[in-house]
């Protein structure tokens, strides 16, 4: 009979250990899920920010292209940058 009681005791300890591990795994899963949600939100926000930045850069590139086209059509495309450089040096 002593052998059966020891086996029951060991089985109870094993069951308790398994229950604790199950709880820890459940908590780990919850933490991972929250972390992945936060990462996903961060990526979405970064994507929006990058999209806005790319639009701004595109607009600036278009403005520069328009400016260069106007300067070339007026025939003063080589003079303006040198003129501006001279003004900056005098100040």
N, C-alpha and C. Protein backbone atom coordinates (compact mmCIF):
# COMPACT_ATOMS: atom_id res chain seq x y z
N UNK A 1 0.81 -1.20 0.00
CA UNK A 1 0.00 0.00 0.00
C UNK A 1 0.85 1.26 0.00
N UNK A 2 2.02 1.19 0.62
CA UNK A 2 2.89 2.36 0.69
C UNK A 2 3.33 2.77 -0.72
N UNK A 3 3.52 1.79 -1.59
CA UNK A 3 3.93 2.09 -2.96
C UNK A 3 2.86 2.85 -3.72
N UNK A 4 1.60 2.51 -3.52
CA UNK A 4 0.50 3.19 -4.22
C UNK A 4 0.37 4.62 -3.72
N UNK A 5 0.54 4.84 -2.41
CA UNK A 5 0.44 6.20 -1.86
C UNK A 5 1.57 7.07 -2.43
N UNK A 6 2.76 6.51 -2.56
CA UNK A 6 3.88 7.28 -3.12
C UNK A 6 3.63 7.63 -4.57
N UNK A 7 3.07 6.69 -5.31
CA UNK A 7 2.77 6.94 -6.72
C UNK A 7 1.70 8.03 -6.83
N UNK A 8 0.67 7.96 -5.99
CA UNK A 8 -0.39 8.98 -6.01
C UNK A 8 0.21 10.35 -5.67
N UNK A 9 1.08 10.39 -4.68
CA UNK A 9 1.72 11.65 -4.29
C UNK A 9 2.54 12.21 -5.44
N UNK A 10 3.31 11.36 -6.10
CA UNK A 10 4.12 11.81 -7.24
C UNK A 10 3.24 12.28 -8.39
N UNK A 11 2.13 11.55 -8.63
CA UNK A 11 1.21 11.96 -9.69
C UNK A 11 0.57 13.32 -9.36
N UNK A 12 0.25 13.54 -8.10
CA UNK A 12 -0.33 14.83 -7.69
C UNK A 12 0.69 15.95 -7.90
N UNK A 13 1.93 15.71 -7.51
CA UNK A 13 2.98 16.71 -7.71
C UNK A 13 3.20 16.98 -9.21
N UNK A 14 3.16 15.92 -9.99
CA UNK A 14 3.32 16.06 -11.44
C UNK A 14 2.17 16.88 -12.02
N UNK A 15 0.95 16.59 -11.58
CA UNK A 15 -0.23 17.33 -12.06
C UNK A 15 -0.12 18.81 -11.68
N UNK A 16 0.32 19.08 -10.45
CA UNK A 16 0.48 20.47 -10.01
C UNK A 16 1.55 21.18 -10.84
N UNK A 17 2.65 20.49 -11.12
CA UNK A 17 3.71 21.08 -11.96
C UNK A 17 3.19 21.37 -13.35
N UNK A 18 2.44 20.44 -13.92
CA UNK A 18 1.88 20.63 -15.27
C UNK A 18 0.92 21.81 -15.26
N UNK A 19 0.11 21.94 -14.22
CA UNK A 19 -0.83 23.07 -14.12
C UNK A 19 -0.08 24.40 -14.05
N UNK A 20 1.01 24.44 -13.28
CA UNK A 20 1.80 25.68 -13.20
C UNK A 20 2.43 26.01 -14.55
N UNK A 21 2.95 25.01 -15.22
CA UNK A 21 3.53 25.23 -16.54
C UNK A 21 2.48 25.71 -17.54
N UNK A 22 1.30 25.13 -17.46
CA UNK A 22 0.20 25.55 -18.34
C UNK A 22 -0.14 27.01 -18.11
N UNK A 23 -0.21 27.42 -16.84
CA UNK A 23 -0.50 28.83 -16.52
C UNK A 23 0.60 29.75 -17.05
N UNK A 24 1.84 29.34 -16.87
CA UNK A 24 2.95 30.16 -17.37
C UNK A 24 2.92 30.27 -18.89
N UNK A 25 2.63 29.17 -19.56
CA UNK A 25 2.53 29.21 -21.03
C UNK A 25 1.39 30.12 -21.47
N UNK A 26 0.29 30.05 -20.76
CA UNK A 26 -0.85 30.90 -21.10
C UNK A 26 -0.48 32.38 -20.94
N UNK A 27 0.20 32.71 -19.84
CA UNK A 27 0.65 34.09 -19.63
C UNK A 27 1.66 34.52 -20.69
N UNK A 28 2.54 33.61 -21.07
CA UNK A 28 3.52 33.91 -22.12
C UNK A 28 2.81 34.16 -23.45
N UNK A 29 1.81 33.36 -23.76
CA UNK A 29 1.04 33.56 -25.00
C UNK A 29 0.35 34.92 -25.01
N UNK A 30 -0.22 35.29 -23.87
CA UNK A 30 -0.89 36.59 -23.78
C UNK A 30 0.12 37.71 -23.99
N UNK A 31 1.28 37.60 -23.35
CA UNK A 31 2.32 38.61 -23.50
C UNK A 31 2.80 38.71 -24.94
N UNK A 32 3.01 37.57 -25.57
CA UNK A 32 3.44 37.57 -26.98
C UNK A 32 2.38 38.19 -27.89
N UNK A 33 1.13 37.87 -27.65
CA UNK A 33 0.04 38.42 -28.45
C UNK A 33 0.01 39.94 -28.32
N UNK A 34 0.12 40.45 -27.09
CA UNK A 34 0.12 41.90 -26.87
C UNK A 34 1.33 42.55 -27.53
N UNK A 35 2.47 41.90 -27.43
CA UNK A 35 3.68 42.42 -28.05
C UNK A 35 3.55 42.49 -29.56
N UNK A 36 2.98 41.44 -30.16
CA UNK A 36 2.80 41.43 -31.61
C UNK A 36 1.79 42.49 -32.06
N UNK A 37 0.75 42.71 -31.26
CA UNK A 37 -0.21 43.77 -31.59
C UNK A 37 0.47 45.12 -31.57
N UNK A 38 1.27 45.35 -30.54
CA UNK A 38 1.99 46.62 -30.42
C UNK A 38 2.96 46.80 -31.59
N UNK A 39 3.66 45.73 -31.94
CA UNK A 39 4.59 45.79 -33.08
C UNK A 39 3.84 46.10 -34.37
N UNK A 40 2.70 45.48 -34.54
CA UNK A 40 1.89 45.72 -35.73
C UNK A 40 1.43 47.17 -35.80
N UNK A 41 0.98 47.71 -34.68
CA UNK A 41 0.55 49.11 -34.65
C UNK A 41 1.71 50.04 -34.96
N UNK A 42 2.87 49.73 -34.40
CA UNK A 42 4.06 50.55 -34.64
C UNK A 42 4.43 50.54 -36.12
N UNK A 43 4.38 49.37 -36.73
CA UNK A 43 4.71 49.26 -38.15
C UNK A 43 3.71 50.05 -38.99
N UNK A 44 2.42 49.99 -38.64
CA UNK A 44 1.41 50.75 -39.37
C UNK A 44 1.67 52.25 -39.26
N UNK A 45 2.01 52.72 -38.04
CA UNK A 45 2.29 54.14 -37.85
C UNK A 45 3.54 54.56 -38.61
N UNK A 46 4.55 53.72 -38.59
CA UNK A 46 5.78 54.03 -39.33
C UNK A 46 5.50 54.06 -40.83
N UNK A 47 4.66 53.17 -41.28
CA UNK A 47 4.32 53.13 -42.70
C UNK A 47 3.60 54.42 -43.11
N UNK A 48 2.67 54.87 -42.27
CA UNK A 48 1.97 56.13 -42.56
C UNK A 48 2.94 57.29 -42.59
N UNK A 49 3.85 57.33 -41.62
CA UNK A 49 4.83 58.40 -41.56
C UNK A 49 5.75 58.38 -42.77
N UNK A 50 6.19 57.18 -43.15
CA UNK A 50 7.05 57.04 -44.32
C UNK A 50 6.32 57.46 -45.59
N UNK A 51 5.05 57.10 -45.69
CA UNK A 51 4.25 57.49 -46.85
C UNK A 51 4.16 59.01 -46.94
N UNK A 52 3.90 59.66 -45.82
CA UNK A 52 3.81 61.13 -45.81
C UNK A 52 5.15 61.75 -46.19
N UNK A 53 6.23 61.19 -45.68
CA UNK A 53 7.57 61.70 -46.00
C UNK A 53 7.88 61.52 -47.48
N UNK A 54 7.51 60.37 -48.02
CA UNK A 54 7.76 60.12 -49.45
C UNK A 54 6.95 61.09 -50.32
N UNK A 55 5.71 61.38 -49.91
CA UNK A 55 4.91 62.34 -50.67
C UNK A 55 5.56 63.72 -50.63
N UNK A 56 6.04 64.12 -49.45
CA UNK A 56 6.70 65.42 -49.32
C UNK A 56 7.94 65.48 -50.19
N UNK A 57 8.73 64.42 -50.16
CA UNK A 57 9.94 64.38 -50.99
C UNK A 57 9.59 64.43 -52.47
N UNK A 58 8.53 63.75 -52.85
CA UNK A 58 8.10 63.77 -54.24
C UNK A 58 7.67 65.17 -54.65
N UNK A 59 6.92 65.84 -53.75
CA UNK A 59 6.49 67.21 -54.03
C UNK A 59 7.70 68.14 -54.17
N UNK A 60 8.69 67.97 -53.31
CA UNK A 60 9.89 68.80 -53.39
C UNK A 60 10.65 68.54 -54.69
N UNK A 61 10.71 67.28 -55.08
CA UNK A 61 11.40 66.93 -56.32
C UNK A 61 10.68 67.57 -57.51
N UNK A 62 9.36 67.51 -57.50
CA UNK A 62 8.58 68.14 -58.58
C UNK A 62 8.83 69.64 -58.60
N UNK A 63 8.84 70.28 -57.42
CA UNK A 63 9.09 71.72 -57.36
C UNK A 63 10.48 72.06 -57.90
N UNK A 64 11.47 71.24 -57.54
CA UNK A 64 12.82 71.49 -58.05
C UNK A 64 12.89 71.29 -59.56
N UNK A 65 12.20 70.28 -60.06
CA UNK A 65 12.18 70.05 -61.51
C UNK A 65 11.52 71.21 -62.23
N UNK A 66 10.43 71.72 -61.66
CA UNK A 66 9.74 72.87 -62.27
C UNK A 66 10.67 74.09 -62.26
N UNK A 67 11.34 74.31 -61.12
CA UNK A 67 12.25 75.45 -61.01
C UNK A 67 13.37 75.33 -62.05
N UNK A 68 13.96 74.14 -62.16
CA UNK A 68 15.04 73.93 -63.13
C UNK A 68 14.54 74.15 -64.56
N UNK A 69 13.34 73.67 -64.85
CA UNK A 69 12.77 73.85 -66.19
C UNK A 69 12.57 75.33 -66.50
N UNK A 70 12.05 76.06 -65.52
CA UNK A 70 11.83 77.50 -65.72
C UNK A 70 13.15 78.23 -65.93
N UNK A 71 14.14 77.90 -65.09
CA UNK A 71 15.44 78.56 -65.24
C UNK A 71 16.07 78.24 -66.59
N UNK A 72 15.95 76.99 -67.03
CA UNK A 72 16.50 76.62 -68.33
C UNK A 72 15.77 77.32 -69.46
N UNK A 73 14.43 77.42 -69.35
CA UNK A 73 13.67 78.07 -70.42
C UNK A 73 13.96 79.57 -70.48
N UNK A 74 14.33 80.17 -69.35
CA UNK A 74 14.69 81.59 -69.35
C UNK A 74 16.16 81.79 -69.75
N UNK A 75 16.90 80.69 -69.80
CA UNK A 75 18.31 80.77 -70.19
C UNK A 75 19.21 81.26 -69.07
N UNK A 76 18.77 81.16 -67.85
CA UNK A 76 19.59 81.65 -66.72
C UNK A 76 19.91 80.52 -65.73
N UNK A 77 19.84 79.30 -66.19
CA UNK A 77 20.03 78.17 -65.27
C UNK A 77 21.44 78.09 -64.71
N UNK A 78 22.44 78.56 -65.41
CA UNK A 78 23.81 78.52 -64.89
C UNK A 78 24.15 79.72 -64.02
N UNK A 79 23.42 80.81 -64.18
CA UNK A 79 23.77 82.03 -63.46
C UNK A 79 23.20 82.06 -62.04
N UNK A 80 22.04 81.57 -61.84
CA UNK A 80 21.37 81.70 -60.54
C UNK A 80 22.15 81.01 -59.41
N UNK A 81 22.57 79.77 -59.57
CA UNK A 81 23.30 79.16 -58.45
C UNK A 81 24.58 79.91 -58.11
N UNK A 82 25.35 80.37 -59.12
CA UNK A 82 26.57 81.14 -58.85
C UNK A 82 26.22 82.45 -58.16
N UNK A 83 25.15 83.10 -58.60
CA UNK A 83 24.72 84.36 -58.01
C UNK A 83 24.35 84.16 -56.54
N UNK A 84 23.63 83.10 -56.26
CA UNK A 84 23.24 82.83 -54.88
C UNK A 84 24.45 82.48 -54.02
N UNK A 85 25.41 81.75 -54.58
CA UNK A 85 26.62 81.40 -53.83
C UNK A 85 27.40 82.66 -53.47
N UNK A 86 27.48 83.61 -54.40
CA UNK A 86 28.20 84.86 -54.14
C UNK A 86 27.52 85.66 -53.04
N UNK A 87 26.19 85.68 -53.04
CA UNK A 87 25.46 86.40 -51.99
C UNK A 87 25.71 85.77 -50.62
N UNK A 88 25.75 84.47 -50.54
CA UNK A 88 25.99 83.79 -49.27
C UNK A 88 27.40 84.08 -48.75
N UNK A 89 28.39 84.17 -49.65
CA UNK A 89 29.77 84.43 -49.26
C UNK A 89 29.91 85.85 -48.72
N UNK A 90 29.19 86.84 -49.30
CA UNK A 90 29.30 88.24 -48.89
C UNK A 90 28.74 88.44 -47.48
N UNK A 91 27.74 87.66 -47.10
CA UNK A 91 27.12 87.83 -45.79
C UNK A 91 28.00 87.25 -44.77
